[in-house]
Amino acid sequence: MRTVIIIPARYSSVRYPGKPLVKLSVGDGFQKSLIQLSWEAASRVENVDEVFVATDDKRIRVEAESFGASVIMTSKKCQNGTERCAEAIKNINFVGDIVVNFQGDAPLTPEWFVEDLIRTFEKDSNTQIATPVLRLNEGSLKDFRLDRRSGRVGGTAVVFDKNHNALYFSKELIPFFNEKHVKQREEIPAFHHVGVYAYRPEALLNYNSWKESNLEVLEGLEQLRFLENACSIKCVIVDSRGRTFWELNNPEDVVRIEKIINEK
């Protein structure tokens, strides 16, 4: 199956302007930009034909090309990464089977998360969109709660049906549960949504034909536009294999992610 990965990146951001160009310490006194670390993570995924950075900003283009990335320029009218990916495949006249939207702020994404998505498409021809979900552990649950208590917009939680089709995504921790529920179970009854998506090209192109949706705006979560237009998203449960996952959502996450990178 012909597969491409697109890393959408924009300089202007309400929560964190210039985020793709933020430098992170990677050990031995070296630093790399967030976009480079994300591109390197995406490039480790097997059975992918090409990896692109899609942006509307010349500064990001210069940075991406400096470490060897192929860049697709998109318009400034793109409101989120999904819109940018849809415009990008249209700009290059992409002909293929799978388009992966790999978040430019998630350099800790293990390659097997994406490989599991690709296998889902190979096994099920009816799947139009797939995304990884990771069961919370004590550490990630603590981080979720810390962000909410501090008034920060952090990770995303997801709930799904018995067929693993997403019911809802939220910046709140869902479903509600208390410590009694946790103590009665061996596993925490909640999942962290990993912000990576794989699409059939047709499903991705449909996205830009729909208006921005109400829940999408309220939650600040672009994938809700699919759900509000009755388009199913398959949730693929992935195994962290002992790896810690977190996105760079806020400036406070830089130190957290640097620590994880340097502990590898």
Protein backbone atom coordinates (compact mmCIF):
# COMPACT_ATOMS: atom_id res chain seq x y z
CA MET A 1 0.00 0.00 0.00
CA ARG A 2 1.40 3.37 -1.01
CA THR A 3 1.68 5.37 2.19
CA VAL A 4 2.93 8.87 2.94
CA ILE A 5 3.41 10.69 6.24
CA ILE A 6 2.68 14.39 6.43
CA ILE A 7 3.79 16.49 9.40
CA PRO A 8 1.66 19.66 9.52
CA ALA A 9 3.47 22.60 11.10
CA ARG A 10 2.50 26.21 11.59
CA TYR A 11 4.33 29.06 13.26
CA SER A 12 1.27 30.98 14.44
CA SER A 13 -0.38 29.34 17.42
CA VAL A 14 -2.66 30.77 20.08
CA ARG A 15 -1.28 28.56 22.85
CA TYR A 16 2.38 28.38 21.80
CA PRO A 17 3.59 30.63 18.93
CA GLY A 18 6.68 29.34 17.11
CA LYS A 19 6.39 25.90 18.67
CA PRO A 20 7.84 23.89 15.72
CA LEU A 21 11.12 25.82 15.99
CA VAL A 22 11.53 25.44 19.75
CA LYS A 23 14.90 23.89 20.57
CA LEU A 24 15.13 20.88 22.86
CA SER A 25 18.26 19.51 24.50
CA VAL A 26 19.04 16.01 23.26
CA GLY A 27 22.19 15.30 25.26
CA ASP A 28 25.91 16.04 25.03
CA GLY A 29 25.18 19.75 24.71
CA PHE A 30 23.27 19.33 21.43
CA GLN A 31 19.88 20.80 20.59
CA LYS A 32 17.35 20.02 17.89
CA SER A 33 14.16 21.77 16.88
CA LEU A 34 10.83 20.20 17.71
CA ILE A 35 10.04 19.80 14.02
CA GLN A 36 13.32 17.97 13.42
CA LEU A 37 12.71 15.57 16.30
CA SER A 38 9.20 14.88 15.00
CA TRP A 39 10.50 14.32 11.46
CA GLU A 40 13.14 11.90 12.74
CA ALA A 41 10.47 9.99 14.68
CA ALA A 42 8.23 9.81 11.59
CA SER A 43 11.16 8.67 9.44
CA ARG A 44 11.61 5.59 11.65
CA VAL A 45 8.21 4.20 10.61
CA GLU A 46 8.57 1.19 8.31
CA ASN A 47 6.77 0.65 4.99
CA VAL A 48 6.29 4.37 4.31
CA ASP A 49 7.11 5.77 0.87
CA GLU A 50 7.72 9.43 1.76
CA VAL A 51 7.72 11.80 4.73
CA PHE A 52 6.78 15.45 4.19
CA VAL A 53 6.57 18.58 6.31
CA ALA A 54 3.56 20.72 5.33
CA THR A 55 3.69 24.38 6.35
CA ASP A 56 2.69 27.91 5.37
CA ASP A 57 5.73 29.53 6.99
CA LYS A 58 9.09 30.19 5.33
CA ARG A 59 10.95 29.95 8.65
CA ILE A 60 9.71 26.41 9.16
CA ARG A 61 10.47 25.56 5.53
CA VAL A 62 14.08 26.75 5.93
CA GLU A 63 14.50 24.78 9.15
CA ALA A 64 12.96 21.62 7.67
CA GLU A 65 15.06 21.73 4.53
CA SER A 66 18.20 22.26 6.65
CA PHE A 67 17.93 18.71 8.01
CA GLY A 68 16.82 17.14 4.71
CA ALA A 69 13.03 17.12 4.93
CA SER A 70 10.82 17.42 1.85
CA VAL A 71 8.44 20.36 2.27
CA ILE A 72 4.97 21.02 0.85
CA MET A 73 3.88 24.65 1.08
CA THR A 74 0.24 25.20 1.97
CA SER A 75 -1.94 28.27 2.39
CA LYS A 76 -2.38 30.28 5.59
CA LYS A 77 -6.13 29.63 5.52
CA CYS A 78 -5.65 26.12 6.96
CA GLN A 79 -7.14 26.19 10.45
CA ASN A 80 -5.65 22.94 11.73
CA GLY A 81 -3.36 20.07 10.85
CA THR A 82 -6.05 17.97 9.17
CA GLU A 83 -6.96 20.81 6.82
CA ARG A 84 -3.26 21.28 6.07
CA CYS A 85 -2.76 17.58 5.30
CA ALA A 86 -5.80 17.59 3.00
CA GLU A 87 -4.50 20.62 1.14
CA ALA A 88 -1.01 19.12 0.96
CA ILE A 89 -2.08 15.89 -0.78
CA LYS A 90 -4.17 17.94 -3.18
CA ASN A 91 -1.16 20.17 -3.95
CA ILE A 92 1.05 17.19 -4.85
CA ASN A 93 -1.75 15.27 -6.63
CA PHE A 94 -1.21 12.34 -4.31
CA VAL A 95 -2.23 8.96 -5.65
CA GLY A 96 -2.05 6.21 -3.07
CA ASP A 97 -3.71 4.30 -0.26
CA ILE A 98 -2.93 5.84 3.13
CA VAL A 99 -2.07 9.33 4.37
CA VAL A 100 -0.68 9.63 7.89
CA ASN A 101 -1.00 12.88 9.82
CA PHE A 102 1.97 12.80 12.21
CA GLN A 103 1.84 15.58 14.77
CA GLY A 104 4.74 18.00 14.73
CA ASP A 105 4.59 18.36 18.50
CA ALA A 106 4.83 14.66 19.35
CA PRO A 107 8.47 13.55 18.91
CA LEU A 108 7.97 10.81 21.51
CA THR A 109 5.56 8.93 19.21
CA PRO A 110 6.99 5.40 18.77
CA GLU A 111 7.13 4.15 15.20
CA TRP A 112 5.06 1.05 16.02
CA PHE A 113 2.05 3.25 16.86
CA VAL A 114 1.90 4.30 13.21
CA GLU A 115 2.76 0.82 11.94
CA ASP A 116 -0.22 -0.55 13.91
CA LEU A 117 -2.48 1.97 12.13
CA ILE A 118 -1.19 0.90 8.72
CA ARG A 119 -1.83 -2.76 9.57
CA THR A 120 -5.39 -1.86 10.56
CA PHE A 121 -6.02 -0.56 7.02
CA GLU A 122 -4.45 -3.67 5.53
CA LYS A 123 -6.75 -5.93 7.57
CA ASP A 124 -9.99 -3.94 7.20
CA SER A 125 -10.92 -2.34 3.88
CA ASN A 126 -13.85 -0.55 5.55
CA THR A 127 -11.65 1.53 7.85
CA GLN A 128 -11.55 5.13 6.66
CA ILE A 129 -9.72 6.79 9.56
CA ALA A 130 -7.68 5.26 12.37
CA THR A 131 -5.89 6.72 15.38
CA PRO A 132 -3.86 5.23 18.25
CA VAL A 133 -5.07 5.21 21.85
CA LEU A 134 -2.99 4.36 24.88
CA ARG A 135 -4.31 3.22 28.24
CA LEU A 136 -3.38 5.66 30.99
CA ASN A 137 -0.89 4.57 33.61
CA GLU A 138 -0.29 6.18 36.99
CA GLY A 139 2.23 8.64 35.57
CA SER A 140 0.14 9.86 32.65
CA LEU A 141 -2.98 10.05 34.85
CA LYS A 142 -1.03 12.28 37.24
CA ASP A 143 0.07 14.49 34.33
CA PHE A 144 -3.51 14.82 33.06
CA ARG A 145 -4.76 15.89 36.47
CA LEU A 146 -1.84 18.25 37.06
CA ASP A 147 -2.52 20.07 33.80
CA ARG A 148 -6.20 20.49 34.61
CA ARG A 149 -5.52 21.74 38.15
CA SER A 150 -3.00 24.22 36.71
CA GLY A 151 -5.48 25.47 34.12
CA ARG A 152 -3.40 24.17 31.20
CA VAL A 153 -4.77 22.52 28.07
CA GLY A 154 -2.84 19.26 28.01
CA GLY A 155 -3.45 15.75 26.71
CA THR A 156 -6.62 14.45 25.06
CA ALA A 157 -8.79 11.62 26.37
CA VAL A 158 -11.03 9.39 24.27
CA VAL A 159 -13.91 6.97 24.80
CA PHE A 160 -14.94 4.38 22.21
CA ASP A 161 -17.55 1.69 21.63
CA LYS A 162 -17.16 -2.09 21.74
CA ASN A 163 -16.07 -2.07 18.08
CA HIS A 164 -13.40 0.50 18.93
CA ASN A 165 -15.11 3.31 17.03
CA ALA A 166 -14.59 6.65 18.76
CA LEU A 167 -17.57 8.05 20.66
CA TYR A 168 -15.92 11.27 21.83
CA PHE A 169 -12.59 13.04 22.33
CA SER A 170 -12.11 15.65 25.04
CA LYS A 171 -9.53 17.84 26.72
CA GLU A 172 -11.22 16.80 29.94
CA LEU A 173 -10.37 13.44 31.44
CA ILE A 174 -13.15 11.09 30.31
CA PRO A 175 -14.90 8.94 31.40
CA PHE A 176 -15.36 10.23 34.95
CA PHE A 177 -14.02 7.89 37.59
CA ASN A 178 -12.80 8.20 41.17
CA GLU A 179 -10.05 6.46 43.11
CA LYS A 180 -12.49 3.74 44.17
CA HIS A 181 -12.90 2.72 40.52
CA VAL A 182 -9.13 2.60 40.07
CA LYS A 183 -8.56 0.48 43.16
CA GLN A 184 -11.20 -2.04 42.05
CA ARG A 185 -9.46 -2.56 38.69
CA GLU A 186 -6.05 -3.73 37.62
CA GLU A 187 -6.01 -1.07 34.89
CA ILE A 188 -6.97 2.62 34.83
CA PRO A 189 -10.32 2.86 32.95
CA ALA A 190 -9.28 5.70 30.61
CA PHE A 191 -7.33 6.17 27.40
CA HIS A 192 -4.95 8.88 26.19
CA HIS A 193 -5.51 9.79 22.56
CA VAL A 194 -2.24 9.82 20.62
CA GLY A 195 -2.55 12.65 18.09
CA VAL A 196 -1.66 10.66 14.99
CA TYR A 197 -4.18 9.84 12.27
CA ALA A 198 -4.20 7.62 9.22
CA TYR A 199 -6.77 8.25 6.50
CA ARG A 200 -7.98 6.93 3.21
CA PRO A 201 -7.31 9.88 0.87
CA GLU A 202 -11.03 10.25 0.10
CA ALA A 203 -11.92 10.60 3.79
CA LEU A 204 -9.22 13.20 4.29
CA LEU A 205 -10.31 15.25 1.28
CA ASN A 206 -13.91 15.25 2.55
CA TYR A 207 -12.78 17.07 5.68
CA ASN A 208 -12.16 20.39 3.95
CA SER A 209 -15.61 20.29 2.35
CA TRP A 210 -17.27 20.49 5.79
CA LYS A 211 -17.67 23.61 7.86
CA GLU A 212 -15.88 23.93 11.18
CA SER A 213 -18.08 22.11 13.68
CA ASN A 214 -19.47 23.24 17.01
CA LEU A 215 -17.79 20.63 19.21
CA GLU A 216 -14.53 21.03 17.31
CA VAL A 217 -14.50 24.72 18.28
CA LEU A 218 -15.54 24.16 21.90
CA GLU A 219 -12.95 21.44 22.58
CA GLY A 220 -10.27 22.73 20.23
CA LEU A 221 -10.08 19.24 18.72
CA GLU A 222 -10.11 19.00 14.94
CA GLN A 223 -11.04 15.29 14.79
CA LEU A 224 -14.49 16.06 16.18
CA ARG A 225 -15.44 17.46 12.78
CA PHE A 226 -15.33 13.88 11.47
CA LEU A 227 -17.58 12.59 14.25
CA GLU A 228 -20.08 15.44 13.84
CA ASN A 229 -20.32 14.51 10.15
CA ALA A 230 -21.00 10.84 10.95
CA CYS A 231 -17.55 9.67 9.83
CA SER A 232 -16.21 6.88 12.05
CA ILE A 233 -12.73 6.95 13.56
CA LYS A 234 -11.27 3.57 14.48
CA CYS A 235 -9.38 3.61 17.80
CA VAL A 236 -6.38 1.28 17.72
CA ILE A 237 -5.12 0.32 21.18
CA VAL A 238 -1.34 0.45 21.16
CA ASP A 239 1.30 -0.83 23.55
CA SER A 240 3.80 1.68 24.91
CA ARG A 241 6.38 -1.12 25.47
CA GLY A 242 7.58 0.80 28.49
CA ARG A 243 8.00 4.04 26.55
CA THR A 244 6.57 7.25 28.01
CA PHE A 245 4.37 9.24 25.62
CA TRP A 246 3.47 12.92 25.89
CA GLU A 247 2.98 15.78 23.44
CA LEU A 248 4.52 19.23 23.67
CA ASN A 249 1.35 21.22 24.33
CA ASN A 250 2.70 23.99 26.55
CA PRO A 251 6.09 25.60 27.32
CA GLU A 252 6.10 23.63 30.58
CA ASP A 253 6.25 20.40 28.53
CA VAL A 254 9.72 21.19 27.13
CA VAL A 255 11.52 20.11 30.31
CA ARG A 256 9.26 17.06 30.64
CA ILE A 257 10.02 15.88 27.10
CA GLU A 258 13.74 16.68 27.33
CA LYS A 259 13.92 14.50 30.43
CA ILE A 260 12.24 11.59 28.64
CA ILE A 261 14.49 11.95 25.57
CA ASN A 262 17.63 11.96 27.67
CA GLU A 263 16.53 8.94 29.71
CA LYS A 264 16.31 6.72 26.60
